[in-house]
Amino acid sequence: MNRNGPIALIFHVLFLGFLLAPILIVCAVAFTSQGYLSLPTEGLSLRWFRAIGDNPEFIRAFKDSLLLGAVSSTLAILVAVPAALAIARHQFFGREAIQALFLSPLMVPHIVLGIAFLRFFTMIGLGGTFTGLVLSHVIIILPFALRLILAASTGMDRAVENAASSLGASSWTCFRRVTLPLILPGVASGWVLAFINSFDEVTMTVFIASPETTTLPVRLFLYIQDNIDPLVAAVSAVLIFLTVAAMLVLDRVYGLERLLVGKGRD
């Protein structure tokens, strides 16, 4: 077995430190007792975490972001799965054009999409609505889900599906019991990546959101325009803690490797 030398270990430590430093600094600033961004701080305090409760708009925006991300990523998966299976398995006229169409939101700047969606939704009466937010987010996160599901579908051995069909399984049963388990790592990874991109989206959402449908990133963006205090760091720290906790629970209950890679636990 090859072992990393001291230079490689030092490089890995420095690289991990470079990646984790911004997260650790944000968490450290969130515990300051000062009324402004300060590091190092003169004392530790939970005042800015308590301040989150005094700003219910942040809690409401967090709930809206969770709901928006879950609905948008689920709808994106429902579209991406049949599209990926069709593109990966069949040769038909316009196949490359359809694939390029699904992936085209990656090529367009989000500020351009935001202006276009604002104009379009205003014309059809969906401006400032949650439905408009969901539709716009589905469009921009669909490429992420499609690419991962397409990767899982390409090269999949169809002999197993043919065997199930020859034994009398219906098309739906074959998909549910054979195809879906085989592409499940791609579906799960696509859903997670789509949810993350939907939850973090700011540039486009600024144009479409309204006071009743403001997501957490937009709320934070609007807040820091007029305020310079550690409240934003406290909100960010809470999100980091919740993300780590969710990953630990998911790994404990189901297993991240099993979910994202498709391997069972030893």
Protein backbone atom coordinates (compact mmCIF):
# COMPACT_ATOMS: atom_id res chain seq x y z
CA MET A 1 0.00 0.00 0.00
CA ASN A 2 1.33 3.40 -0.97
CA ARG A 3 1.51 5.96 1.83
CA ASN A 4 1.47 9.70 1.44
CA GLY A 5 4.76 11.35 2.23
CA PRO A 6 5.13 14.30 4.61
CA ILE A 7 4.92 16.84 1.76
CA ALA A 8 1.65 15.36 0.54
CA LEU A 9 0.21 15.33 4.08
CA ILE A 10 1.21 18.96 4.62
CA PHE A 11 -0.38 19.90 1.30
CA HIS A 12 -3.62 18.09 2.23
CA VAL A 13 -3.75 19.82 5.62
CA LEU A 14 -3.18 23.23 4.06
CA PHE A 15 -5.77 22.53 1.38
CA LEU A 16 -8.40 21.46 3.92
CA GLY A 17 -7.54 24.48 6.07
CA PHE A 18 -8.00 26.75 3.06
CA LEU A 19 -11.45 25.23 2.41
CA LEU A 20 -12.61 25.28 6.03
CA ALA A 21 -11.19 28.67 7.05
CA PRO A 22 -14.12 30.79 5.74
CA ILE A 23 -16.66 28.51 7.45
CA LEU A 24 -14.79 28.57 10.76
CA ILE A 25 -14.38 32.35 10.64
CA VAL A 26 -18.11 32.85 10.02
CA CYS A 27 -18.95 30.57 12.96
CA ALA A 28 -16.44 32.37 15.19
CA VAL A 29 -17.81 35.82 14.32
CA ALA A 30 -21.35 34.64 15.10
CA PHE A 31 -20.40 34.19 18.79
CA THR A 32 -19.01 37.69 19.26
CA SER A 33 -20.44 39.90 21.98
CA GLN A 34 -19.71 43.06 20.00
CA GLY A 35 -22.31 44.97 18.04
CA TYR A 36 -20.21 44.81 14.91
CA LEU A 37 -18.14 42.28 12.99
CA SER A 38 -15.12 41.60 15.15
CA LEU A 39 -12.48 38.89 15.15
CA PRO A 40 -10.79 38.34 17.52
CA THR A 41 -13.57 39.32 19.87
CA GLU A 42 -13.50 40.61 23.43
CA GLY A 43 -15.96 37.99 24.64
CA LEU A 44 -18.29 35.19 23.61
CA SER A 45 -22.05 35.60 23.54
CA LEU A 46 -25.21 34.08 22.12
CA ARG A 47 -26.86 37.47 21.66
CA TRP A 48 -26.88 37.25 17.87
CA PHE A 49 -28.44 33.80 17.90
CA ARG A 50 -31.18 35.14 20.16
CA ALA A 51 -31.54 38.06 17.76
CA ILE A 52 -32.64 35.63 15.06
CA GLY A 53 -35.78 34.97 17.07
CA ASP A 54 -36.43 38.71 17.22
CA ASN A 55 -36.45 38.82 13.42
CA PRO A 56 -39.30 36.51 12.35
CA GLU A 57 -38.77 37.46 8.72
CA PHE A 58 -35.61 35.35 8.72
CA ILE A 59 -37.46 32.32 10.07
CA ARG A 60 -40.26 32.76 7.54
CA ALA A 61 -37.73 33.18 4.71
CA PHE A 62 -35.95 30.01 5.86
CA LYS A 63 -39.21 28.04 5.71
CA ASP A 64 -39.98 29.46 2.28
CA SER A 65 -36.49 28.50 1.05
CA LEU A 66 -36.87 24.94 2.34
CA LEU A 67 -40.29 24.54 0.72
CA LEU A 68 -39.14 26.13 -2.53
CA GLY A 69 -36.02 23.97 -2.70
CA ALA A 70 -37.91 20.75 -1.93
CA VAL A 71 -40.72 21.39 -4.42
CA SER A 72 -38.43 22.67 -7.18
CA SER A 73 -35.89 19.85 -6.88
CA THR A 74 -38.64 17.21 -6.78
CA LEU A 75 -40.29 18.60 -9.91
CA ALA A 76 -36.88 18.82 -11.60
CA ILE A 77 -36.25 15.14 -10.81
CA LEU A 78 -39.66 14.17 -12.21
CA VAL A 79 -38.70 15.85 -15.49
CA ALA A 80 -35.04 14.80 -15.50
CA VAL A 81 -35.57 11.05 -14.99
CA PRO A 82 -37.62 10.34 -18.14
CA ALA A 83 -35.57 12.86 -20.12
CA ALA A 84 -32.29 11.24 -19.08
CA LEU A 85 -33.54 7.72 -19.82
CA ALA A 86 -34.77 8.79 -23.26
CA ILE A 87 -31.53 10.57 -24.14
CA ALA A 88 -29.29 7.80 -22.79
CA ARG A 89 -31.12 4.88 -24.39
CA HIS A 90 -32.56 6.03 -27.69
CA GLN A 91 -31.33 7.61 -30.89
CA PHE A 92 -33.95 9.90 -32.40
CA PHE A 93 -34.17 13.04 -34.49
CA GLY A 94 -33.38 16.14 -32.44
CA ARG A 95 -31.81 14.21 -29.56
CA GLU A 96 -28.81 16.51 -29.28
CA ALA A 97 -31.01 19.59 -29.65
CA ILE A 98 -33.28 18.46 -26.81
CA GLN A 99 -30.30 17.73 -24.59
CA ALA A 100 -28.84 21.17 -25.37
CA LEU A 101 -32.22 22.76 -24.58
CA PHE A 102 -32.36 21.12 -21.16
CA LEU A 103 -28.80 22.21 -20.40
CA SER A 104 -29.13 25.72 -21.86
CA PRO A 105 -29.90 27.45 -18.49
CA LEU A 106 -26.25 26.81 -17.60
CA MET A 107 -25.19 29.06 -20.48
CA VAL A 108 -27.41 32.06 -19.69
CA PRO A 109 -26.40 34.48 -16.90
CA HIS A 110 -28.88 34.38 -14.03
CA ILE A 111 -29.38 38.12 -14.13
CA VAL A 112 -30.62 37.77 -17.72
CA LEU A 113 -32.92 34.93 -16.67
CA GLY A 114 -34.21 37.01 -13.77
CA ILE A 115 -35.18 39.91 -16.01
CA ALA A 116 -36.75 37.56 -18.57
CA PHE A 117 -38.75 35.69 -15.91
CA LEU A 118 -39.86 38.95 -14.33
CA ARG A 119 -41.23 40.20 -17.64
CA PHE A 120 -42.84 36.87 -18.56
CA PHE A 121 -44.47 36.19 -15.19
CA THR A 122 -45.80 39.74 -15.03
CA MET A 123 -47.46 39.26 -18.41
CA ILE A 124 -49.19 35.99 -17.39
CA GLY A 125 -50.11 37.09 -13.88
CA LEU A 126 -47.56 35.04 -11.91
CA GLY A 127 -45.32 37.92 -10.88
CA GLY A 128 -44.31 37.76 -7.23
CA THR A 129 -46.05 34.41 -6.66
CA PHE A 130 -44.69 31.20 -5.19
CA THR A 131 -45.72 29.35 -8.34
CA GLY A 132 -43.56 31.67 -10.42
CA LEU A 133 -40.61 31.07 -8.10
CA VAL A 134 -41.04 27.30 -8.38
CA LEU A 135 -41.23 27.35 -12.18
CA SER A 136 -38.16 29.56 -12.52
CA HIS A 137 -36.14 27.48 -10.06
CA VAL A 138 -37.10 24.23 -11.80
CA ILE A 139 -35.71 25.63 -15.05
CA ILE A 140 -32.35 26.68 -13.60
CA ILE A 141 -31.74 23.56 -11.47
CA LEU A 142 -32.94 21.02 -14.06
CA PRO A 143 -29.51 20.82 -15.79
CA PHE A 144 -27.81 19.78 -12.54
CA ALA A 145 -30.28 16.97 -11.93
CA LEU A 146 -30.23 15.90 -15.58
CA ARG A 147 -26.45 15.63 -15.82
CA LEU A 148 -26.15 13.34 -12.80
CA ILE A 149 -29.10 11.14 -13.76
CA LEU A 150 -27.83 10.99 -17.33
CA ALA A 151 -24.44 9.84 -16.06
CA ALA A 152 -26.12 7.11 -14.00
CA SER A 153 -28.30 6.02 -16.93
CA THR A 154 -25.55 5.90 -19.54
CA GLY A 155 -23.95 2.50 -19.75
CA MET A 156 -26.56 0.82 -17.56
CA ASP A 157 -26.92 -2.84 -18.53
CA ARG A 158 -30.43 -3.33 -19.90
CA ALA A 159 -30.17 -7.11 -19.69
CA VAL A 160 -31.60 -6.97 -16.17
CA GLU A 161 -34.63 -5.02 -17.40
CA ASN A 162 -35.10 -7.44 -20.29
CA ALA A 163 -34.95 -10.34 -17.86
CA ALA A 164 -37.64 -8.75 -15.68
CA SER A 165 -39.83 -8.12 -18.71
CA SER A 166 -39.40 -11.69 -19.93
CA LEU A 167 -40.61 -12.91 -16.53
CA GLY A 168 -43.85 -10.98 -16.90
CA ALA A 169 -43.09 -7.71 -15.13
CA SER A 170 -45.02 -4.71 -16.42
CA SER A 171 -43.27 -1.57 -17.61
CA TRP A 172 -44.07 0.25 -14.35
CA THR A 173 -42.94 -2.70 -12.22
CA CYS A 174 -39.75 -2.99 -14.22
CA PHE A 175 -39.02 0.69 -13.75
CA ARG A 176 -39.86 0.68 -10.04
CA ARG A 177 -38.11 -2.56 -9.10
CA VAL A 178 -35.16 -2.59 -11.53
CA THR A 179 -34.41 0.68 -13.32
CA LEU A 180 -34.99 3.09 -10.47
CA PRO A 181 -32.78 1.20 -7.96
CA LEU A 182 -29.98 1.09 -10.54
CA ILE A 183 -30.06 4.86 -11.16
CA LEU A 184 -30.95 5.78 -7.56
CA PRO A 185 -27.47 7.19 -6.74
CA GLY A 186 -27.77 9.58 -9.67
CA VAL A 187 -31.33 10.52 -8.73
CA ALA A 188 -30.40 11.15 -5.09
CA SER A 189 -27.28 13.11 -6.01
CA GLY A 190 -29.25 15.10 -8.58
CA TRP A 191 -31.96 15.93 -6.04
CA VAL A 192 -29.43 17.06 -3.44
CA LEU A 193 -27.48 19.18 -5.93
CA ALA A 194 -30.68 20.69 -7.31
CA PHE A 195 -31.91 21.50 -3.79
CA ILE A 196 -28.62 23.18 -2.87
CA ASN A 197 -28.65 25.32 -6.00
CA SER A 198 -32.29 26.28 -5.46
CA PHE A 199 -31.72 27.12 -1.79
CA ASP A 200 -28.65 29.28 -2.54
CA GLU A 201 -30.00 31.07 -5.61
CA VAL A 202 -29.91 34.87 -5.20
CA THR A 203 -29.25 36.67 -8.48
CA MET A 204 -32.34 35.49 -10.34
CA THR A 205 -34.61 35.25 -7.31
CA VAL A 206 -34.11 38.93 -6.45
CA PHE A 207 -36.06 39.86 -9.58
CA ILE A 208 -38.92 37.41 -8.99
CA ALA A 209 -39.36 37.39 -5.21
CA SER A 210 -41.91 39.58 -3.46
CA PRO A 211 -42.29 40.56 0.22
CA GLU A 212 -44.60 37.55 0.65
CA THR A 213 -42.26 35.11 -1.13
CA THR A 214 -38.77 36.13 -0.07
CA THR A 215 -36.18 33.38 0.27
CA LEU A 216 -33.50 33.36 2.95
CA PRO A 217 -30.57 34.27 0.65
CA VAL A 218 -32.56 37.24 -0.70
CA ARG A 219 -33.49 38.29 2.85
CA LEU A 220 -29.82 38.16 3.86
CA PHE A 221 -28.83 40.12 0.77
CA LEU A 222 -31.37 42.84 1.54
CA TYR A 223 -30.35 42.92 5.19
CA ILE A 224 -26.64 43.47 4.62
CA GLN A 225 -27.40 46.43 2.37
CA ASP A 226 -28.49 48.48 5.38
CA ASN A 227 -26.88 46.70 8.36
CA ILE A 228 -23.36 45.68 9.33
CA ASP A 229 -23.64 43.40 12.33
CA PRO A 230 -23.00 39.72 13.17
CA LEU A 231 -26.65 38.74 12.70
CA VAL A 232 -25.94 37.50 9.18
CA ALA A 233 -22.99 35.48 10.52
CA ALA A 234 -25.29 33.95 13.16
CA VAL A 235 -27.85 32.95 10.51
CA SER A 236 -25.08 31.48 8.38
CA ALA A 237 -23.70 29.56 11.37
CA VAL A 238 -27.14 28.10 12.08
CA LEU A 239 -27.38 26.93 8.46
CA ILE A 240 -23.94 25.33 8.74
CA PHE A 241 -24.91 23.54 11.96
CA LEU A 242 -28.18 22.31 10.45
CA THR A 243 -26.39 21.05 7.33
CA VAL A 244 -23.81 19.12 9.35
CA ALA A 245 -26.54 17.70 11.60
CA ALA A 246 -28.62 16.61 8.61
CA MET A 247 -25.62 14.88 7.03
CA LEU A 248 -24.80 13.07 10.28
CA VAL A 249 -28.39 11.91 10.75
CA LEU A 250 -28.67 10.78 7.13
CA ASP A 251 -25.38 8.92 7.34
CA ARG A 252 -26.46 7.28 10.60
CA VAL A 253 -29.91 6.27 9.39
CA TYR A 254 -29.28 5.35 5.76
CA GLY A 255 -25.62 5.95 4.90
CA LEU A 256 -24.31 8.71 2.64
CA GLU A 257 -22.16 6.29 0.67
CA ARG A 258 -25.10 4.00 0.07
CA LEU A 259 -27.33 6.90 -0.98
CA LEU A 260 -24.92 8.81 -3.21
CA VAL A 261 -22.65 6.05 -4.48
CA GLY A 262 -24.94 3.05 -4.37
CA LYS A 263 -22.82 0.85 -2.14
CA GLY A 264 -24.19 -0.93 0.87
CA ARG A 265 -22.55 -0.88 4.27
CA ASP A 266 -20.08 -3.63 5.05
